């Protein structure tokens, strides 16, 4: 799935501990939810100031999933 690969690429390049990036796919009424987990110290880097980074990540993944034809959203899990 392209959306998952986009999320993995972005998240891995933003954090200090890329080997602790975990993405789990959950199906929810025909839509895929990508649950993103990172090391607790890296949460600030994923969320960003006022949630701007998280919003940008969600926009990129949504664009990639739309291109695939299978809608996906991102949930950042602590």
PDB file of N, CA and C in Angstrom:
ATOM      1  N   UNK A   1       0.840  -1.186   0.000  1.00  0.00           N
ATOM      2  CA  UNK A   1       0.000   0.000   0.000  1.00  0.00           C
ATOM      3  C   UNK A   1       0.882   1.246   0.000  1.00  0.00           C
ATOM      4  N   UNK A   2       0.623   2.127  -0.907  1.00  0.00           N
ATOM      5  CA  UNK A   2       1.458   3.308  -1.053  1.00  0.00           C
ATOM      6  C   UNK A   2       1.336   4.264   0.139  1.00  0.00           C
ATOM      7  N   UNK A   3       0.138   4.434   0.692  1.00  0.00           N
ATOM      8  CA  UNK A   3      -0.059   5.347   1.816  1.00  0.00           C
ATOM      9  C   UNK A   3       0.788   4.930   3.008  1.00  0.00           C
ATOM     10  N   UNK A   4       0.859   3.647   3.275  1.00  0.00           N
ATOM     11  CA  UNK A   4       1.661   3.148   4.389  1.00  0.00           C
ATOM     12  C   UNK A   4       3.147   3.451   4.160  1.00  0.00           C
ATOM     13  N   UNK A   5       3.603   3.253   2.936  1.00  0.00           N
ATOM     14  CA  UNK A   5       5.005   3.525   2.609  1.00  0.00           C
ATOM     15  C   UNK A   5       5.335   5.007   2.762  1.00  0.00           C
ATOM     16  N   UNK A   6       4.406   5.870   2.366  1.00  0.00           N
ATOM     17  CA  UNK A   6       4.601   7.316   2.513  1.00  0.00           C
ATOM     18  C   UNK A   6       4.708   7.669   3.995  1.00  0.00           C
ATOM     19  N   UNK A   7       3.799   7.135   4.799  1.00  0.00           N
ATOM     20  CA  UNK A   7       3.809   7.405   6.240  1.00  0.00           C
ATOM     21  C   UNK A   7       5.095   6.901   6.878  1.00  0.00           C
ATOM     22  N   UNK A   8       5.506   5.709   6.508  1.00  0.00           N
ATOM     23  CA  UNK A   8       6.731   5.135   7.075  1.00  0.00           C
ATOM     24  C   UNK A   8       7.956   5.981   6.706  1.00  0.00           C
ATOM     25  N   UNK A   9       8.019   6.428   5.475  1.00  0.00           N
ATOM     26  CA  UNK A   9       9.139   7.248   5.016  1.00  0.00           C
ATOM     27  C   UNK A   9       9.202   8.571   5.770  1.00  0.00           C
ATOM     28  N   UNK A  10       8.066   9.259   5.848  1.00  0.00           N
ATOM     29  CA  UNK A  10       8.025  10.563   6.513  1.00  0.00           C
ATOM     30  C   UNK A  10       8.369  10.422   7.993  1.00  0.00           C
ATOM     31  N   UNK A  11       7.706   9.496   8.670  1.00  0.00           N
ATOM     32  CA  UNK A  11       7.914   9.330  10.109  1.00  0.00           C
ATOM     33  C   UNK A  11       9.356   8.933  10.417  1.00  0.00           C
ATOM     34  N   UNK A  12       9.905   8.017   9.654  1.00  0.00           N
ATOM     35  CA  UNK A  12      11.274   7.557   9.901  1.00  0.00           C
ATOM     36  C   UNK A  12      12.297   8.669   9.736  1.00  0.00           C
ATOM     37  N   UNK A  13      12.026   9.596   8.831  1.00  0.00           N
ATOM     38  CA  UNK A  13      12.960  10.688   8.601  1.00  0.00           C
ATOM     39  C   UNK A  13      12.789  11.856   9.575  1.00  0.00           C
ATOM     40  N   UNK A  14      11.682  11.896  10.290  1.00  0.00           N
ATOM     41  CA  UNK A  14      11.450  12.971  11.249  1.00  0.00           C
ATOM     42  C   UNK A  14      12.006  12.667  12.644  1.00  0.00           C
ATOM     43  N   UNK A  15      12.030  11.398  13.006  1.00  0.00           N
ATOM     44  CA  UNK A  15      12.360  11.023  14.390  1.00  0.00           C
ATOM     45  C   UNK A  15      13.839  10.704  14.584  1.00  0.00           C
ATOM     46  N   UNK A  16      14.259  10.703  15.864  1.00  0.00           N
ATOM     47  CA  UNK A  16      15.639  10.342  16.210  1.00  0.00           C
ATOM     48  C   UNK A  16      15.836   8.827  16.264  1.00  0.00           C
ATOM     49  N   UNK A  17      14.743   8.094  16.510  1.00  0.00           N
ATOM     50  CA  UNK A  17      14.827   6.630  16.622  1.00  0.00           C
ATOM     51  C   UNK A  17      13.931   5.988  15.558  1.00  0.00           C
ATOM     52  N   UNK A  18      14.393   5.984  14.298  1.00  0.00           N
ATOM     53  CA  UNK A  18      13.552   5.473  13.203  1.00  0.00           C
ATOM     54  C   UNK A  18      13.233   3.984  13.303  1.00  0.00           C
ATOM     55  N   UNK A  19      14.081   3.210  14.004  1.00  0.00           N
ATOM     56  CA  UNK A  19      13.795   1.777  14.124  1.00  0.00           C
ATOM     57  C   UNK A  19      12.654   1.508  15.104  1.00  0.00           C
ATOM     58  N   UNK A  20      12.167   2.528  15.800  1.00  0.00           N
ATOM     59  CA  UNK A  20      11.043   2.346  16.719  1.00  0.00           C
ATOM     60  C   UNK A  20       9.729   2.872  16.135  1.00  0.00           C
ATOM     61  N   UNK A  21       9.724   3.185  14.850  1.00  0.00           N
ATOM     62  CA  UNK A  21       8.490   3.601  14.172  1.00  0.00           C
ATOM     63  C   UNK A  21       7.684   2.341  13.871  1.00  0.00           C
ATOM     64  N   UNK A  22       6.436   2.323  14.349  1.00  0.00           N
ATOM     65  CA  UNK A  22       5.549   1.186  14.132  1.00  0.00           C
ATOM     66  C   UNK A  22       4.260   1.680  13.487  1.00  0.00           C
ATOM     67  N   UNK A  23       3.835   0.993  12.433  1.00  0.00           N
ATOM     68  CA  UNK A  23       2.591   1.346  11.750  1.00  0.00           C
ATOM     69  C   UNK A  23       1.726   0.097  11.683  1.00  0.00           C
ATOM     70  N   UNK A  24       0.508   0.235  12.176  1.00  0.00           N
ATOM     71  CA  UNK A  24      -0.435  -0.880  12.153  1.00  0.00           C
ATOM     72  C   UNK A  24      -1.647  -0.468  11.332  1.00  0.00           C
ATOM     73  N   UNK A  25      -2.051  -1.321  10.402  1.00  0.00           N
ATOM     74  CA  UNK A  25      -3.219  -1.042   9.569  1.00  0.00           C
ATOM     75  C   UNK A  25      -4.456  -1.647  10.209  1.00  0.00           C
ATOM     76  N   UNK A  26      -5.498  -0.824  10.337  1.00  0.00           N
ATOM     77  CA  UNK A  26      -6.761  -1.279  10.898  1.00  0.00           C
ATOM     78  C   UNK A  26      -7.864  -0.887   9.922  1.00  0.00           C
ATOM     79  N   UNK A  27      -8.688  -1.847   9.513  1.00  0.00           N
ATOM     80  CA  UNK A  27      -9.800  -1.536   8.611  1.00  0.00           C
ATOM     81  C   UNK A  27     -10.991  -1.065   9.424  1.00  0.00           C
ATOM     82  N   UNK A  28     -11.608   0.025   8.959  1.00  0.00           N
ATOM     83  CA  UNK A  28     -12.750   0.598   9.661  1.00  0.00           C
ATOM     84  C   UNK A  28     -13.785   1.032   8.635  1.00  0.00           C
ATOM     85  N   UNK A  29     -14.787   0.186   8.401  1.00  0.00           N
ATOM     86  CA  UNK A  29     -15.863   0.479   7.443  1.00  0.00           C
ATOM     87  C   UNK A  29     -15.352   0.855   6.060  1.00  0.00           C
ATOM     88  N   UNK A  30     -14.463   0.065   5.510  1.00  0.00           N
ATOM     89  CA  UNK A  30     -13.957   0.298   4.166  1.00  0.00           C
ATOM     90  C   UNK A  30     -12.825   1.298   4.087  1.00  0.00           C
ATOM     91  N   UNK A  31     -12.546   1.976   5.187  1.00  0.00           N
ATOM     92  CA  UNK A  31     -11.437   2.926   5.226  1.00  0.00           C
ATOM     93  C   UNK A  31     -10.316   2.325   6.061  1.00  0.00           C
ATOM     94  N   UNK A  32      -9.099   2.557   5.628  1.00  0.00           N
ATOM     95  CA  UNK A  32      -7.941   2.053   6.358  1.00  0.00           C
ATOM     96  C   UNK A  32      -7.449   3.121   7.317  1.00  0.00           C
ATOM     97  N   UNK A  33      -7.267   2.726   8.563  1.00  0.00           N
ATOM     98  CA  UNK A  33      -6.692   3.620   9.567  1.00  0.00           C
ATOM     99  C   UNK A  33      -5.268   3.144   9.818  1.00  0.00           C
ATOM    100  N   UNK A  34      -4.311   4.037   9.623  1.00  0.00           N
ATOM    101  CA  UNK A  34      -2.913   3.720   9.873  1.00  0.00           C
ATOM    102  C   UNK A  34      -2.549   4.270  11.245  1.00  0.00           C
ATOM    103  N   UNK A  35      -2.318   3.364  12.200  1.00  0.00           N
ATOM    104  CA  UNK A  35      -1.961   3.775  13.554  1.00  0.00           C
ATOM    105  C   UNK A  35      -0.445   3.902  13.631  1.00  0.00           C
ATOM    106  N   UNK A  36       0.016   5.098  13.923  1.00  0.00           N
ATOM    107  CA  UNK A  36       1.445   5.391  13.990  1.00  0.00           C
ATOM    108  C   UNK A  36       1.900   5.442  15.437  1.00  0.00           C
ATOM    109  N   UNK A  37       2.917   4.651  15.747  1.00  0.00           N
ATOM    110  CA  UNK A  37       3.517   4.665  17.076  1.00  0.00           C
ATOM    111  C   UNK A  37       5.000   4.963  16.927  1.00  0.00           C
ATOM    112  N   UNK A  38       5.490   5.874  17.773  1.00  0.00           N
ATOM    113  CA  UNK A  38       6.911   6.217  17.780  1.00  0.00           C
ATOM    114  C   UNK A  38       7.387   6.213  19.230  1.00  0.00           C
ATOM    115  N   UNK A  39       8.686   6.294  19.416  1.00  0.00           N
ATOM    116  CA  UNK A  39       9.261   6.375  20.766  1.00  0.00           C
ATOM    117  C   UNK A  39       8.699   7.625  21.448  1.00  0.00           C
ATOM    118  N   UNK A  40       8.385   7.532  22.762  1.00  0.00           N
ATOM    119  CA  UNK A  40       7.801   8.694  23.463  1.00  0.00           C
ATOM    120  C   UNK A  40       8.601   9.995  23.309  1.00  0.00           C
ATOM    121  N   UNK A  41       9.910   9.909  23.230  1.00  0.00           N
ATOM    122  CA  UNK A  41      10.740  11.111  23.063  1.00  0.00           C
ATOM    123  C   UNK A  41      10.543  11.768  21.689  1.00  0.00           C
ATOM    124  N   UNK A  42      10.052  11.004  20.716  1.00  0.00           N
ATOM    125  CA  UNK A  42       9.876  11.516  19.359  1.00  0.00           C
ATOM    126  C   UNK A  42       8.467  12.039  19.075  1.00  0.00           C
ATOM    127  N   UNK A  43       7.563  11.934  20.044  1.00  0.00           N
ATOM    128  CA  UNK A  43       6.179  12.370  19.817  1.00  0.00           C
ATOM    129  C   UNK A  43       6.101  13.841  19.422  1.00  0.00           C
ATOM    130  N   UNK A  44       6.890  14.676  20.042  1.00  0.00           N
ATOM    131  CA  UNK A  44       6.884  16.107  19.731  1.00  0.00           C
ATOM    132  C   UNK A  44       7.279  16.389  18.295  1.00  0.00           C
ATOM    133  N   UNK A  45       8.199  15.595  17.777  1.00  0.00           N
ATOM    134  CA  UNK A  45       8.642  15.791  16.389  1.00  0.00           C
ATOM    135  C   UNK A  45       7.558  15.382  15.397  1.00  0.00           C
ATOM    136  N   UNK A  46       6.779  14.379  15.752  1.00  0.00           N
ATOM    137  CA  UNK A  46       5.704  13.914  14.871  1.00  0.00           C
ATOM    138  C   UNK A  46       4.521  14.880  14.922  1.00  0.00           C
ATOM    139  N   UNK A  47       4.201  15.391  16.096  1.00  0.00           N
ATOM    140  CA  UNK A  47       3.053  16.280  16.244  1.00  0.00           C
ATOM    141  C   UNK A  47       3.395  17.696  15.796  1.00  0.00           C
ATOM    142  N   UNK A  48       4.555  18.208  16.184  1.00  0.00           N
ATOM    143  CA  UNK A  48       4.980  19.541  15.763  1.00  0.00           C
ATOM    144  C   UNK A  48       4.288  20.650  16.535  1.00  0.00           C
ATOM    145  N   UNK A  49       4.692  21.873  16.268  1.00  0.00           N
ATOM    146  CA  UNK A  49       4.089  23.031  16.936  1.00  0.00           C
ATOM    147  C   UNK A  49       2.638  23.185  16.506  1.00  0.00           C
ATOM    148  N   UNK A  50       1.768  23.232  17.504  1.00  0.00           N
ATOM    149  CA  UNK A  50       0.324  23.359  17.275  1.00  0.00           C
ATOM    150  C   UNK A  50      -0.229  22.285  16.341  1.00  0.00           C
ATOM    151  N   UNK A  51       0.434  21.147  16.254  1.00  0.00           N
ATOM    152  CA  UNK A  51      -0.056  20.034  15.442  1.00  0.00           C
ATOM    153  C   UNK A  51       0.149  20.198  13.952  1.00  0.00           C
ATOM    154  N   UNK A  52       0.982  21.146  13.572  1.00  0.00           N
ATOM    155  CA  UNK A  52       1.179  21.409  12.133  1.00  0.00           C
ATOM    156  C   UNK A  52       1.833  20.248  11.411  1.00  0.00           C
ATOM    157  N   UNK A  53       2.830  19.623  12.038  1.00  0.00           N
ATOM    158  CA  UNK A  53       3.509  18.496  11.390  1.00  0.00           C
ATOM    159  C   UNK A  53       2.546  17.326  11.220  1.00  0.00           C
ATOM    160  N   UNK A  54       1.766  17.044  12.273  1.00  0.00           N
ATOM    161  CA  UNK A  54       0.789  15.951  12.202  1.00  0.00           C
ATOM    162  C   UNK A  54      -0.231  16.216  11.094  1.00  0.00           C
ATOM    163  N   UNK A  55      -0.667  17.460  10.986  1.00  0.00           N
ATOM    164  CA  UNK A  55      -1.639  17.821   9.950  1.00  0.00           C
ATOM    165  C   UNK A  55      -1.043  17.618   8.550  1.00  0.00           C
ATOM    166  N   UNK A  56       0.224  17.999   8.390  1.00  0.00           N
ATOM    167  CA  UNK A  56       0.896  17.830   7.098  1.00  0.00           C
ATOM    168  C   UNK A  56       1.078  16.349   6.764  1.00  0.00           C
ATOM    169  N   UNK A  57       1.427  15.551   7.764  1.00  0.00           N
ATOM    170  CA  UNK A  57       1.579  14.101   7.553  1.00  0.00           C
ATOM    171  C   UNK A  57       0.252  13.515   7.096  1.00  0.00           C
ATOM    172  N   UNK A  58      -0.824  13.892   7.781  1.00  0.00           N
ATOM    173  CA  UNK A  58      -2.152  13.370   7.417  1.00  0.00           C
ATOM    174  C   UNK A  58      -2.521  13.765   5.991  1.00  0.00           C
ATOM    175  N   UNK A  59      -2.194  14.986   5.602  1.00  0.00           N
ATOM    176  CA  UNK A  59      -2.511  15.458   4.245  1.00  0.00           C
ATOM    177  C   UNK A  59      -1.739  14.654   3.194  1.00  0.00           C
ATOM    178  N   UNK A  60      -0.462  14.398   3.462  1.00  0.00           N
ATOM    179  CA  UNK A  60       0.361  13.621   2.515  1.00  0.00           C
ATOM    180  C   UNK A  60      -0.165  12.195   2.362  1.00  0.00           C
ATOM    181  N   UNK A  61      -0.505  11.573   3.486  1.00  0.00           N
ATOM    182  CA  UNK A  61      -1.007  10.192   3.449  1.00  0.00           C
ATOM    183  C   UNK A  61      -2.364  10.140   2.763  1.00  0.00           C
ATOM    184  N   UNK A  62      -3.206  11.127   3.035  1.00  0.00           N
ATOM    185  CA  UNK A  62      -4.520  11.171   2.382  1.00  0.00           C
ATOM    186  C   UNK A  62      -4.373  11.305   0.873  1.00  0.00           C
ATOM    187  N   UNK A  63      -3.431  12.144   0.438  1.00  0.00           N
ATOM    188  CA  UNK A  63      -3.187  12.313  -1.002  1.00  0.00           C
ATOM    189  C   UNK A  63      -2.680  11.011  -1.621  1.00  0.00           C
ATOM    190  N   UNK A  64      -1.769  10.338  -0.927  1.00  0.00           N
ATOM    191  CA  UNK A  64      -1.237   9.071  -1.447  1.00  0.00           C
ATOM    192  C   UNK A  64      -2.324   7.998  -1.503  1.00  0.00           C
ATOM    193  N   UNK A  65      -3.177   7.961  -0.491  1.00  0.00           N
ATOM    194  CA  UNK A  65      -4.227   6.938  -0.472  1.00  0.00           C
ATOM    195  C   UNK A  65      -5.305   7.229  -1.505  1.00  0.00           C
ATOM    196  N   UNK A  66      -5.576   8.499  -1.757  1.00  0.00           N
ATOM    197  CA  UNK A  66      -6.545   8.868  -2.785  1.00  0.00           C
ATOM    198  C   UNK A  66      -6.039   8.433  -4.154  1.00  0.00           C
ATOM    199  N   UNK A  67      -4.753   8.596  -4.352  1.00  0.00           N
ATOM    200  CA  UNK A  67      -4.139   8.175  -5.618  1.00  0.00           C
ATOM    201  C   UNK A  67      -4.249   6.655  -5.798  1.00  0.00           C
ATOM    202  N   UNK A  68      -4.139   5.926  -4.692  1.00  0.00           N
ATOM    203  CA  UNK A  68      -4.285   4.461  -4.715  1.00  0.00           C
ATOM    204  C   UNK A  68      -5.725   4.033  -4.941  1.00  0.00           C
ATOM    205  N   UNK A  69      -6.661   4.891  -4.565  1.00  0.00           N
ATOM    206  CA  UNK A  69      -8.072   4.529  -4.680  1.00  0.00           C
ATOM    207  C   UNK A  69      -8.616   3.861  -3.442  1.00  0.00           C
ATOM    208  N   UNK A  70      -7.820   3.811  -2.368  1.00  0.00           N
ATOM    209  CA  UNK A  70      -8.301   3.227  -1.108  1.00  0.00           C
ATOM    210  C   UNK A  70      -8.050   4.237   0.010  1.00  0.00           C
ATOM    211  N   UNK A  71      -9.110   4.907   0.488  1.00  0.00           N
ATOM    212  CA  UNK A  71      -8.942   5.975   1.472  1.00  0.00           C
ATOM    213  C   UNK A  71      -8.281   5.502   2.763  1.00  0.00           C
ATOM    214  N   UNK A  72      -7.391   6.332   3.300  1.00  0.00           N
ATOM    215  CA  UNK A  72      -6.692   6.011   4.540  1.00  0.00           C
ATOM    216  C   UNK A  72      -6.527   7.269   5.375  1.00  0.00           C
ATOM    217  N   UNK A  73      -6.555   7.075   6.682  1.00  0.00           N
ATOM    218  CA  UNK A  73      -6.318   8.172   7.612  1.00  0.00           C
ATOM    219  C   UNK A  73      -5.211   7.759   8.577  1.00  0.00           C
ATOM    220  N   UNK A  74      -4.631   8.741   9.235  1.00  0.00           N
ATOM    221  CA  UNK A  74      -3.537   8.492  10.179  1.00  0.00           C
ATOM    222  C   UNK A  74      -4.006   8.823  11.580  1.00  0.00           C
ATOM    223  N   UNK A  75      -3.718   7.906  12.499  1.00  0.00           N
ATOM    224  CA  UNK A  75      -3.961   8.139  13.913  1.00  0.00           C
ATOM    225  C   UNK A  75      -2.621   8.015  14.618  1.00  0.00           C
ATOM    226  N   UNK A  76      -2.269   9.028  15.387  1.00  0.00           N
ATOM    227  CA  UNK A  76      -1.015   8.984  16.128  1.00  0.00           C
ATOM    228  C   UNK A  76      -1.316   8.458  17.527  1.00  0.00           C
ATOM    229  N   UNK A  77      -0.753   7.310  17.846  1.00  0.00           N
ATOM    230  CA  UNK A  77      -1.046   6.626  19.108  1.00  0.00           C
ATOM    231  C   UNK A  77       0.141   6.753  20.041  1.00  0.00           C
ATOM    232  N   UNK A  78      -0.139   7.089  21.286  1.00  0.00           N
ATOM    233  CA  UNK A  78       0.944   7.219  22.267  1.00  0.00           C
ATOM    234  C   UNK A  78       1.305   5.872  22.844  1.00  0.00           C
TER     235      UNK A  78
END
